[in-house]
Amino acid sequence: MKPYLLAFLGFACTPDYTSQELPPELQLSTTTIDFGEVVVGKQAEIGISLENEGRGVLHIEECALDGTTSGDFELLDLGVDRVDPHQAVTLAAVYTPDMVGQDFGRIRLVTDDPDGSLTEIDLIGFGVEPDIDVDPETLWFGEVQAPDTKTLTVEVAAAGTGTTWISDIAFEDDLGVFSFTLPSECYDLPYGLEAGFSFEMEVTYSPTATAEHDTFLLIHSNDPREPTAAVRLLGNAEFNPDENYPPEVEITDPNYGNYLVLGEPTQLAGYVYDLEDTPQNLTCAWYANSSFLGNATPSADGYVSLITDQIPQGEVNLVLVAMDSQLETGSDSVGVTVWDAEEPVRYTISGGATVYHYWTADDDVEISVDGVPIFADNNHTQDNHPPVEFDAQVGSTIHIVAWDINECRKQLDSLYLHFGTGMFMPLNEPICAASCESDSCYDASYNGPWPNTFIDADYEITIP
């Protein structure tokens, strides 16, 4: 064979050792860490997956909270500065609210992903202070002879902010003579009770003998100040005549969180009960932020009421105090807001029957009140939004307009307008349709066009 041919063949068979850098590819399990409701002073931790789906090493150049982040958020040390191909690490954040309210933050993640070096991860949390209120705190069943039974009721109410979670209800001592029945909506524990709402449970006494029975019904919740509320149960019990028990007091109207109109006559109502004195022998008085409103005489069944137009404006703590013949006192209180009908008041738009529900929009949405913008989302993506607060008056007009920008899905959750913690009115019907068969909102009849306006509507405020 000729030498030049050998040289040619040798060149042709020599492998190319020129290396080409393989790219990494960052993939996050989510770009929003939503802690939901967290009790003030408690700590919640959530981690997300940071995965490298590329063929090259992913280098992490920065992982930190940006300057706008609430001090209630903390980013845990990632522990690595690189992620090998097809490997994942956990990025974790901690939320410890120090006061009631919404908190926001953002994580800046800078990598060498060629498709985008900067990735932002939103942080959302809501600090809450649940408060369980149990009325009455003592159930005295009197003398009950077997096989007779007697049933009394206990009201369990949620005050404070956020959801009060009832985790367990049990007797301190199972004497075999007391039983309780929960309403159907909260048979399954844990049960979440939104602020301003309550339920009644029945407690039945079924003695088998004339012996005295004394125990407690324990209601466990996430109330940070009173995690266990106790209701004393007394059956066939004779009280020590040398010991006086204070009156039991319960305000039934208004409810926690109600709004009252300044200067308008308002009826305050409640019930009082005392083991030693009849209701007519009790002295009752109403107060607003420690200011005396007036006395009231209970009826034979303990009902006590007062009509007054002297409740001051602002956040008001209404108190009903009852004093018995031996000067022992009992009381109950409820927080309300008193507003001037001529002045704007605070409303909230949320995605559910409470002021704490988030809502989703895909793609863009704008909300205005009487022509003044109060909310806008124009980033052309699906987003989960916190409740929107604004000042307005009865008769004001809420205008909602939403657009479907990107192909596939249009969505706007049903929105609710809230006044205080108890009153609300629904706004739009929920909308969700998608042309993509893999989407949960797939609708074969929906095919754009894109962009298009799929809601453009006005709603008049009619509450309170």
Protein backbone atom coordinates (compact mmCIF):
# COMPACT_ATOMS: atom_id res chain seq x y z
CA MET A 1 0.00 0.00 0.00
CA LYS A 2 1.26 3.45 -0.81
CA PRO A 3 2.46 5.58 2.17
CA TYR A 4 0.17 8.51 1.43
CA LEU A 5 -2.86 6.20 1.53
CA LEU A 6 -1.86 4.91 4.96
CA ALA A 7 -1.55 8.45 6.21
CA PHE A 8 -5.04 9.25 4.91
CA LEU A 9 -6.56 6.19 6.57
CA GLY A 10 -4.83 6.97 9.85
CA PHE A 11 -6.26 10.50 9.80
CA ALA A 12 -9.73 9.24 9.02
CA CYS A 13 -9.76 6.80 11.98
CA THR A 14 -8.47 9.21 14.61
CA PRO A 15 -11.32 10.07 17.10
CA ASP A 16 -12.24 13.72 17.76
CA TYR A 17 -11.42 14.48 21.40
CA THR A 18 -12.81 18.03 21.23
CA SER A 19 -15.11 18.36 24.29
CA GLN A 20 -18.37 20.25 24.28
CA GLU A 21 -19.82 21.51 27.59
CA LEU A 22 -23.16 19.89 28.38
CA PRO A 23 -25.85 22.32 29.66
CA PRO A 24 -27.68 22.02 33.01
CA GLU A 25 -31.43 22.53 33.28
CA LEU A 26 -33.08 23.82 36.46
CA GLN A 27 -36.52 22.45 37.37
CA LEU A 28 -38.44 23.57 40.50
CA SER A 29 -41.39 21.72 41.99
CA THR A 30 -43.12 25.11 42.45
CA THR A 31 -42.32 28.80 42.21
CA THR A 32 -44.58 29.76 45.13
CA ILE A 33 -44.22 28.65 48.74
CA ASP A 34 -47.56 29.30 50.45
CA PHE A 35 -47.53 28.69 54.20
CA GLY A 36 -51.24 29.47 54.55
CA GLU A 37 -52.34 30.33 58.09
CA VAL A 38 -49.72 30.04 60.83
CA VAL A 39 -50.41 30.87 64.47
CA VAL A 40 -48.45 33.89 65.67
CA GLY A 41 -45.28 32.75 67.42
CA LYS A 42 -45.43 29.28 65.88
CA GLN A 43 -43.00 28.07 63.21
CA ALA A 44 -43.82 26.44 59.89
CA GLU A 45 -41.27 24.96 57.47
CA ILE A 46 -41.86 24.08 53.80
CA GLY A 47 -39.35 22.64 51.37
CA ILE A 48 -39.44 22.48 47.58
CA SER A 49 -37.45 20.37 45.17
CA LEU A 50 -34.64 21.94 43.14
CA GLU A 51 -33.73 19.45 40.41
CA ASN A 52 -31.18 19.41 37.61
CA GLU A 53 -32.81 17.78 34.57
CA GLY A 54 -29.92 18.66 32.26
CA ARG A 55 -26.78 16.72 31.34
CA GLY A 56 -24.27 19.12 32.86
CA VAL A 57 -23.57 20.20 36.43
CA LEU A 58 -25.86 22.99 37.70
CA HIS A 59 -23.93 25.61 39.68
CA ILE A 60 -25.82 27.66 42.27
CA GLU A 61 -24.33 31.13 42.36
CA GLU A 62 -26.83 32.80 44.72
CA CYS A 63 -29.71 31.64 46.93
CA ALA A 64 -31.00 34.39 49.21
CA LEU A 65 -34.04 36.42 50.28
CA ASP A 66 -34.45 39.69 48.45
CA GLY A 67 -34.66 43.07 50.18
CA THR A 68 -38.48 43.28 50.09
CA THR A 69 -38.99 40.09 52.11
CA SER A 70 -40.74 40.24 55.48
CA GLY A 71 -38.48 39.57 58.46
CA ASP A 72 -40.84 36.74 59.46
CA PHE A 73 -39.36 34.53 56.72
CA GLU A 74 -36.07 32.67 56.98
CA LEU A 75 -34.23 30.73 54.29
CA LEU A 76 -32.45 27.58 55.47
CA ASP A 77 -28.93 26.92 54.23
CA LEU A 78 -29.05 24.92 51.01
CA GLY A 79 -25.79 23.20 51.98
CA VAL A 80 -24.51 22.80 48.39
CA ASP A 81 -23.44 25.04 45.54
CA ARG A 82 -23.85 22.50 42.73
CA VAL A 83 -26.35 19.85 41.64
CA ASP A 84 -25.24 16.94 39.48
CA PRO A 85 -27.31 15.87 36.45
CA HIS A 86 -30.59 14.14 37.33
CA GLN A 87 -30.10 14.90 41.03
CA ALA A 88 -32.18 17.10 43.32
CA VAL A 89 -31.76 19.06 46.54
CA THR A 90 -34.36 20.53 48.90
CA LEU A 91 -34.72 24.27 49.25
CA ALA A 92 -36.52 25.05 52.55
CA ALA A 93 -37.96 28.21 54.04
CA VAL A 94 -39.31 28.90 57.53
CA TYR A 95 -42.18 31.25 58.45
CA THR A 96 -42.62 32.50 62.04
CA PRO A 97 -45.18 35.35 62.13
CA ASP A 98 -44.79 37.85 64.96
CA MET A 99 -48.16 39.54 64.45
CA VAL A 100 -51.51 39.04 62.75
CA GLY A 101 -51.56 39.79 59.03
CA GLN A 102 -50.32 38.88 55.59
CA ASP A 103 -46.60 38.53 54.90
CA PHE A 104 -44.81 38.34 51.56
CA GLY A 105 -41.29 37.56 50.46
CA ARG A 106 -39.16 36.35 47.57
CA ILE A 107 -36.19 34.04 47.11
CA ARG A 108 -33.58 34.97 44.49
CA LEU A 109 -32.03 31.87 42.94
CA VAL A 110 -29.17 32.51 40.51
CA THR A 111 -27.72 29.54 38.59
CA ASP A 112 -25.84 28.88 35.36
CA ASP A 113 -28.93 27.45 33.63
CA PRO A 114 -28.51 28.79 30.07
CA ASP A 115 -32.29 29.22 29.71
CA GLY A 116 -32.46 31.71 32.56
CA SER A 117 -29.96 32.49 35.27
CA LEU A 118 -32.38 34.25 37.68
CA THR A 119 -35.35 32.39 39.16
CA GLU A 120 -37.65 34.00 41.72
CA ILE A 121 -39.68 32.03 44.24
CA ASP A 122 -42.55 33.85 45.98
CA LEU A 123 -43.21 33.43 49.71
CA ILE A 124 -46.69 33.94 51.17
CA GLY A 125 -47.89 33.54 54.75
CA PHE A 126 -50.68 34.74 57.02
CA GLY A 127 -50.14 35.20 60.75
CA VAL A 128 -53.27 34.39 62.76
CA GLU A 129 -54.36 34.25 66.41
CA PRO A 130 -57.19 31.72 66.84
CA ASP A 131 -59.34 32.17 69.92
CA ILE A 132 -61.82 29.55 71.14
CA ASP A 133 -64.83 30.71 73.14
CA VAL A 134 -66.97 28.17 75.02
CA ASP A 135 -70.33 29.10 76.59
CA PRO A 136 -71.33 28.22 79.20
CA GLU A 137 -68.31 27.01 81.11
CA THR A 138 -70.42 25.00 83.55
CA LEU A 139 -73.34 22.67 82.85
CA TRP A 140 -75.35 21.89 85.97
CA PHE A 141 -77.90 19.17 85.27
CA GLY A 142 -79.53 19.30 88.70
CA GLU A 143 -81.20 16.20 90.14
CA VAL A 144 -81.88 13.50 87.53
CA GLN A 145 -83.29 10.10 88.56
CA ALA A 146 -82.59 7.02 86.44
CA PRO A 147 -83.83 6.12 83.88
CA ASP A 148 -84.49 9.82 83.11
CA THR A 149 -81.98 11.84 81.13
CA LYS A 150 -81.33 15.54 80.62
CA THR A 151 -79.64 17.30 77.71
CA LEU A 152 -78.01 20.75 77.73
CA THR A 153 -76.07 22.57 74.99
CA VAL A 154 -72.64 24.15 74.76
CA GLU A 155 -71.77 26.75 72.12
CA VAL A 156 -68.25 26.58 70.70
CA ALA A 157 -67.30 29.79 68.89
CA ALA A 158 -64.20 30.97 67.01
CA ALA A 159 -63.02 34.50 67.74
CA GLY A 160 -59.64 36.05 67.00
CA THR A 161 -58.30 35.66 63.46
CA GLY A 162 -57.84 32.72 61.15
CA THR A 163 -59.26 29.24 61.52
CA THR A 164 -59.74 27.70 64.95
CA TRP A 165 -59.06 23.99 64.55
CA ILE A 166 -60.89 21.72 66.98
CA SER A 167 -58.56 18.72 67.22
CA ASP A 168 -60.27 16.60 69.86
CA ILE A 169 -63.19 16.55 72.30
CA ALA A 170 -63.16 14.16 75.25
CA PHE A 171 -64.14 13.77 78.89
CA GLU A 172 -61.46 14.23 81.53
CA ASP A 173 -62.88 11.18 83.33
CA ASP A 174 -65.15 8.76 81.52
CA LEU A 175 -67.81 8.25 84.18
CA GLY A 176 -70.14 6.46 81.79
CA VAL A 177 -73.03 8.85 82.48
CA PHE A 178 -72.19 11.80 80.22
CA SER A 179 -72.22 11.76 76.42
CA PHE A 180 -72.00 14.45 73.75
CA THR A 181 -73.32 14.81 70.22
CA LEU A 182 -71.67 16.99 67.58
CA PRO A 183 -73.56 18.62 64.71
CA SER A 184 -73.25 16.78 61.40
CA GLU A 185 -70.83 19.27 59.84
CA CYS A 186 -68.10 18.58 62.40
CA TYR A 187 -68.45 14.87 63.11
CA ASP A 188 -64.98 14.34 61.68
CA LEU A 189 -62.23 15.91 63.76
CA PRO A 190 -60.12 17.93 63.32
CA TYR A 191 -62.75 20.50 62.35
CA GLY A 192 -61.92 24.02 61.17
CA LEU A 193 -64.10 26.83 62.51
CA GLU A 194 -63.73 30.17 60.74
CA ALA A 195 -63.54 33.35 62.84
CA GLY A 196 -67.00 34.63 63.69
CA PHE A 197 -68.68 31.23 63.30
CA SER A 198 -69.84 28.76 65.94
CA PHE A 199 -71.61 25.45 66.47
CA GLU A 200 -73.67 23.95 69.29
CA MET A 201 -73.05 20.52 70.75
CA GLU A 202 -75.44 18.59 72.98
CA VAL A 203 -74.31 17.07 76.28
CA THR A 204 -76.59 14.44 77.82
CA TYR A 205 -76.62 13.24 81.43
CA SER A 206 -77.89 9.64 81.91
CA PRO A 207 -77.27 8.59 85.51
CA THR A 208 -77.69 4.99 86.61
CA ALA A 209 -77.81 5.90 90.28
CA THR A 210 -78.35 8.91 92.52
CA ALA A 211 -74.63 9.37 93.08
CA GLU A 212 -73.03 12.76 92.38
CA HIS A 213 -71.11 13.07 89.12
CA ASP A 214 -68.48 15.74 88.48
CA THR A 215 -66.07 15.88 85.53
CA PHE A 216 -64.92 18.13 82.67
CA LEU A 217 -65.56 18.09 78.95
CA LEU A 218 -62.23 19.02 77.33
CA ILE A 219 -62.15 20.76 73.94
CA HIS A 220 -58.66 20.86 72.39
CA SER A 221 -57.81 23.45 69.72
CA ASN A 222 -54.97 25.51 68.23
CA ASP A 223 -55.79 28.51 70.44
CA PRO A 224 -52.27 29.50 71.59
CA ARG A 225 -53.49 30.99 74.90
CA GLU A 226 -56.07 28.34 75.79
CA PRO A 227 -55.27 25.12 73.92
CA THR A 228 -57.75 23.20 76.10
CA ALA A 229 -61.12 24.75 76.94
CA ALA A 230 -62.86 22.99 79.83
CA VAL A 231 -66.60 22.77 80.48
CA ARG A 232 -67.46 21.52 83.97
CA LEU A 233 -70.25 18.91 84.07
CA LEU A 234 -72.22 18.46 87.29
CA GLY A 235 -74.99 15.91 87.75
CA ASN A 236 -76.94 15.08 90.94
CA ALA A 237 -74.59 17.56 92.60
CA GLU A 238 -75.45 19.65 95.65
CA PHE A 239 -73.34 22.74 95.87
CA ASN A 240 -71.68 23.72 99.13
CA PRO A 241 -73.94 26.40 100.61
CA ASP A 242 -70.88 28.13 102.03
CA GLU A 243 -69.39 28.52 98.56
CA ASN A 244 -70.86 30.98 96.11
CA TYR A 245 -70.45 30.51 92.36
CA PRO A 246 -70.36 33.50 90.01
CA PRO A 247 -73.12 33.95 87.40
CA GLU A 248 -72.75 32.43 83.94
CA VAL A 249 -73.02 35.08 81.20
CA GLU A 250 -73.34 34.73 77.42
CA ILE A 251 -73.77 37.50 74.83
CA THR A 252 -75.93 36.29 71.93
CA ASP A 253 -76.24 39.52 69.92
CA PRO A 254 -74.25 41.04 68.29
CA ASN A 255 -71.81 38.35 67.22
CA TYR A 256 -68.05 38.66 67.12
CA GLY A 257 -66.86 40.74 64.17
CA ASN A 258 -70.24 42.36 63.41
CA TYR A 259 -70.36 45.92 62.10
CA LEU A 260 -72.74 48.38 63.78
CA VAL A 261 -73.81 51.80 62.51
CA LEU A 262 -72.79 54.80 64.61
CA GLY A 263 -75.74 56.57 66.23
CA GLU A 264 -78.36 54.00 65.22
CA PRO A 265 -80.30 52.12 67.92
CA THR A 266 -78.73 48.69 68.42
CA GLN A 267 -80.15 45.83 70.47
CA LEU A 268 -77.67 44.09 72.74
CA ALA A 269 -78.83 40.71 74.05
CA GLY A 270 -77.63 37.79 76.10
CA TYR A 271 -78.44 35.26 78.80
CA VAL A 272 -77.43 35.07 82.46
CA TYR A 273 -77.67 32.15 84.88
CA ASP A 274 -76.73 31.66 88.50
CA LEU A 275 -76.81 28.51 90.64
CA GLU A 276 -77.92 30.26 93.82
CA ASP A 277 -79.97 33.26 92.61
CA THR A 278 -82.94 33.54 90.28
CA PRO A 279 -82.28 35.68 87.18
CA GLN A 280 -84.40 38.55 88.52
CA ASN A 281 -82.07 38.82 91.52
CA LEU A 282 -79.06 39.45 89.30
CA THR A 283 -77.85 42.96 88.56
CA CYS A 284 -76.77 43.30 84.91
CA ALA A 285 -74.93 46.09 83.12
CA TRP A 286 -73.61 46.68 79.59
CA TYR A 287 -70.30 48.38 78.79
CA ALA A 288 -68.49 49.50 75.63
CA ASN A 289 -64.70 49.80 75.98
CA SER A 290 -65.20 50.18 79.77
CA SER A 291 -67.77 52.97 79.30
CA PHE A 292 -71.15 52.34 80.94
CA LEU A 293 -74.05 51.91 78.49
CA GLY A 294 -76.89 51.00 80.86
CA ASN A 295 -78.43 48.50 83.26
CA ALA A 296 -80.84 45.73 82.26
CA THR A 297 -83.11 43.43 84.27
CA PRO A 298 -83.17 39.75 83.21
CA SER A 299 -86.42 37.96 82.44
CA ALA A 300 -87.47 34.79 84.26
CA ASP A 301 -85.49 32.64 81.79
CA GLY A 302 -82.38 34.81 82.11
CA TYR A 303 -82.75 36.81 78.89
CA VAL A 304 -81.28 40.29 79.21
CA SER A 305 -81.28 43.02 76.56
CA LEU A 306 -80.61 46.71 76.06
CA ILE A 307 -81.30 49.06 73.14
CA THR A 308 -78.71 51.81 72.87
CA ASP A 309 -77.37 54.36 70.38
CA GLN A 310 -74.36 55.27 72.53
CA ILE A 311 -71.79 52.77 71.27
CA PRO A 312 -68.68 54.72 70.21
CA GLN A 313 -67.08 54.60 66.76
CA GLY A 314 -64.20 52.25 65.97
CA GLU A 315 -63.12 48.88 67.35
CA VAL A 316 -65.33 48.26 70.39
CA ASN A 317 -65.32 45.56 73.07
CA LEU A 318 -68.90 45.06 74.31
CA VAL A 319 -69.16 43.54 77.80
CA LEU A 320 -72.16 42.18 79.72
CA VAL A 321 -71.58 41.91 83.48
CA ALA A 322 -73.89 40.12 85.93
CA MET A 323 -73.59 40.39 89.74
CA ASP A 324 -75.38 38.10 92.21
CA SER A 325 -76.67 38.77 95.72
CA GLN A 326 -73.27 37.94 97.24
CA LEU A 327 -71.51 40.38 94.90
CA GLU A 328 -69.90 37.67 92.78
CA THR A 329 -69.66 38.73 89.13
CA GLY A 330 -69.52 36.97 85.79
CA SER A 331 -69.09 38.49 82.35
CA ASP A 332 -68.88 37.86 78.62
CA SER A 333 -67.49 40.08 75.88
CA VAL A 334 -67.59 40.38 72.11
CA GLY A 335 -65.58 42.54 69.71
CA VAL A 336 -67.43 44.60 67.07
CA THR A 337 -66.72 47.52 64.74
CA VAL A 338 -68.84 50.67 64.81
CA TRP A 339 -68.72 52.78 61.65
CA ASP A 340 -70.11 56.07 60.43
CA ALA A 341 -72.52 55.42 57.53
CA GLU A 342 -71.29 58.64 55.88
CA GLU A 343 -67.70 57.44 55.81
CA PRO A 344 -66.03 54.71 53.70
CA VAL A 345 -65.38 51.44 55.50
CA ARG A 346 -63.11 48.49 54.88
CA TYR A 347 -64.25 45.71 52.53
CA THR A 348 -62.41 42.56 51.44
CA ILE A 349 -62.61 40.56 48.22
CA SER A 350 -61.57 36.93 48.67
CA GLY A 351 -61.98 33.59 46.93
CA GLY A 352 -64.28 31.99 49.50
CA ALA A 353 -66.75 32.40 52.33
CA THR A 354 -64.13 33.91 54.66
CA VAL A 355 -61.84 36.91 54.34
CA TYR A 356 -58.80 34.61 54.32
CA HIS A 357 -59.43 32.63 51.12
CA TYR A 358 -56.99 33.07 48.23
CA TRP A 359 -58.21 33.10 44.61
CA THR A 360 -56.78 32.12 41.22
CA ALA A 361 -56.79 33.99 37.91
CA ASP A 362 -55.52 32.88 34.49
CA ASP A 363 -54.35 34.97 32.81
CA ASP A 364 -54.93 38.64 33.66
CA VAL A 365 -57.47 40.48 35.80
CA GLU A 366 -58.14 44.03 36.96
CA ILE A 367 -60.52 45.21 39.68
CA SER A 368 -61.65 48.79 40.27
CA VAL A 369 -64.12 50.49 42.61
CA ASP A 370 -66.01 53.51 41.30
CA GLY A 371 -63.41 53.77 38.55
CA VAL A 372 -60.40 53.67 40.89
CA PRO A 373 -58.10 50.63 40.37
CA ILE A 374 -57.59 48.53 43.51
CA PHE A 375 -55.95 45.45 41.97
CA ALA A 376 -54.19 44.47 38.73
CA ASP A 377 -52.48 41.28 37.55
CA ASN A 378 -51.04 41.75 34.07
CA ASN A 379 -48.13 39.31 33.96
CA HIS A 380 -49.84 36.90 31.48
CA THR A 381 -49.58 33.89 33.82
CA GLN A 382 -51.80 31.94 36.18
CA ASP A 383 -51.47 33.34 39.70
CA ASN A 384 -52.82 32.64 43.18
CA HIS A 385 -53.78 35.91 44.85
CA PRO A 386 -54.32 36.88 48.50
CA PRO A 387 -57.50 38.69 49.57
CA VAL A 388 -57.84 42.31 48.41
CA GLU A 389 -58.80 45.01 50.94
CA PHE A 390 -60.19 48.44 50.05
CA ASP A 391 -62.38 51.25 51.42
CA ALA A 392 -65.82 51.86 49.94
CA GLN A 393 -69.46 52.56 50.75
CA VAL A 394 -72.79 50.90 50.14
CA GLY A 395 -73.82 51.70 46.57
CA SER A 396 -70.26 51.76 45.22
CA THR A 397 -69.62 49.79 42.01
CA ILE A 398 -67.02 47.04 41.72
CA HIS A 399 -65.82 46.48 38.14
CA ILE A 400 -64.07 43.20 37.28
CA VAL A 401 -62.48 42.54 33.88
CA ALA A 402 -60.44 39.41 33.02
CA TRP A 403 -58.59 38.37 29.85
CA ASP A 404 -57.36 35.06 28.50
CA ILE A 405 -53.97 35.89 26.98
CA ASN A 406 -52.21 32.56 26.49
CA GLU A 407 -53.54 29.52 24.67
CA CYS A 408 -55.14 26.68 26.62
CA ARG A 409 -56.88 27.92 29.78
CA LYS A 410 -59.04 30.74 31.05
CA GLN A 411 -59.89 30.85 34.77
CA LEU A 412 -61.26 33.16 37.43
CA ASP A 413 -62.40 31.76 40.76
CA SER A 414 -65.71 32.84 42.25
CA LEU A 415 -65.02 36.03 44.19
CA TYR A 416 -66.82 37.11 47.38
CA LEU A 417 -67.19 40.57 48.88
CA HIS A 418 -66.88 40.62 52.68
CA PHE A 419 -68.00 43.18 55.24
CA GLY A 420 -66.52 42.36 58.63
CA THR A 421 -66.18 38.68 59.46
CA GLY A 422 -69.81 37.64 59.14
CA MET A 423 -71.48 39.27 56.14
CA PHE A 424 -70.57 38.57 52.53
CA MET A 425 -72.07 38.65 49.04
CA PRO A 426 -70.98 36.53 46.03
CA LEU A 427 -69.76 38.37 42.94
CA ASN A 428 -68.93 36.41 39.75
CA GLU A 429 -69.65 32.79 39.00
CA PRO A 430 -66.50 30.63 38.80
CA ILE A 431 -65.03 30.36 35.30
CA CYS A 432 -62.65 27.63 34.15
CA ALA A 433 -62.29 26.30 30.61
CA ALA A 434 -59.35 24.89 28.66
CA SER A 435 -58.69 23.74 25.12
CA CYS A 436 -55.91 21.40 26.29
CA GLU A 437 -57.18 17.88 26.85
CA SER A 438 -54.71 17.31 29.70
CA ASP A 439 -56.10 20.26 31.66
CA SER A 440 -58.52 19.62 34.54
CA CYS A 441 -60.82 22.32 33.10
CA TYR A 442 -60.86 20.82 29.61
CA ASP A 443 -63.89 21.93 27.58
CA ALA A 444 -64.15 20.62 24.02
CA SER A 445 -66.22 23.66 23.04
CA TYR A 446 -63.58 26.17 24.13
CA ASN A 447 -61.06 27.22 21.52
CA GLY A 448 -60.15 30.81 22.32
CA PRO A 449 -59.64 33.10 20.53
CA TRP A 450 -56.54 34.41 22.25
CA PRO A 451 -56.45 37.01 23.60
CA ASN A 452 -60.10 37.52 24.63
CA THR A 453 -62.04 39.18 27.42
CA PHE A 454 -64.11 36.53 29.19
CA ILE A 455 -65.56 38.67 31.99
CA ASP A 456 -66.35 42.37 32.07
CA ALA A 457 -68.96 43.04 34.74
CA ASP A 458 -70.13 45.51 37.39
CA TYR A 459 -71.35 44.64 40.90
CA GLU A 460 -73.05 47.06 43.27
CA ILE A 461 -72.11 46.85 46.93
CA THR A 462 -75.27 46.07 48.91
CA ILE A 463 -73.82 44.97 52.27
CA PRO A 464 -74.17 45.66 55.13
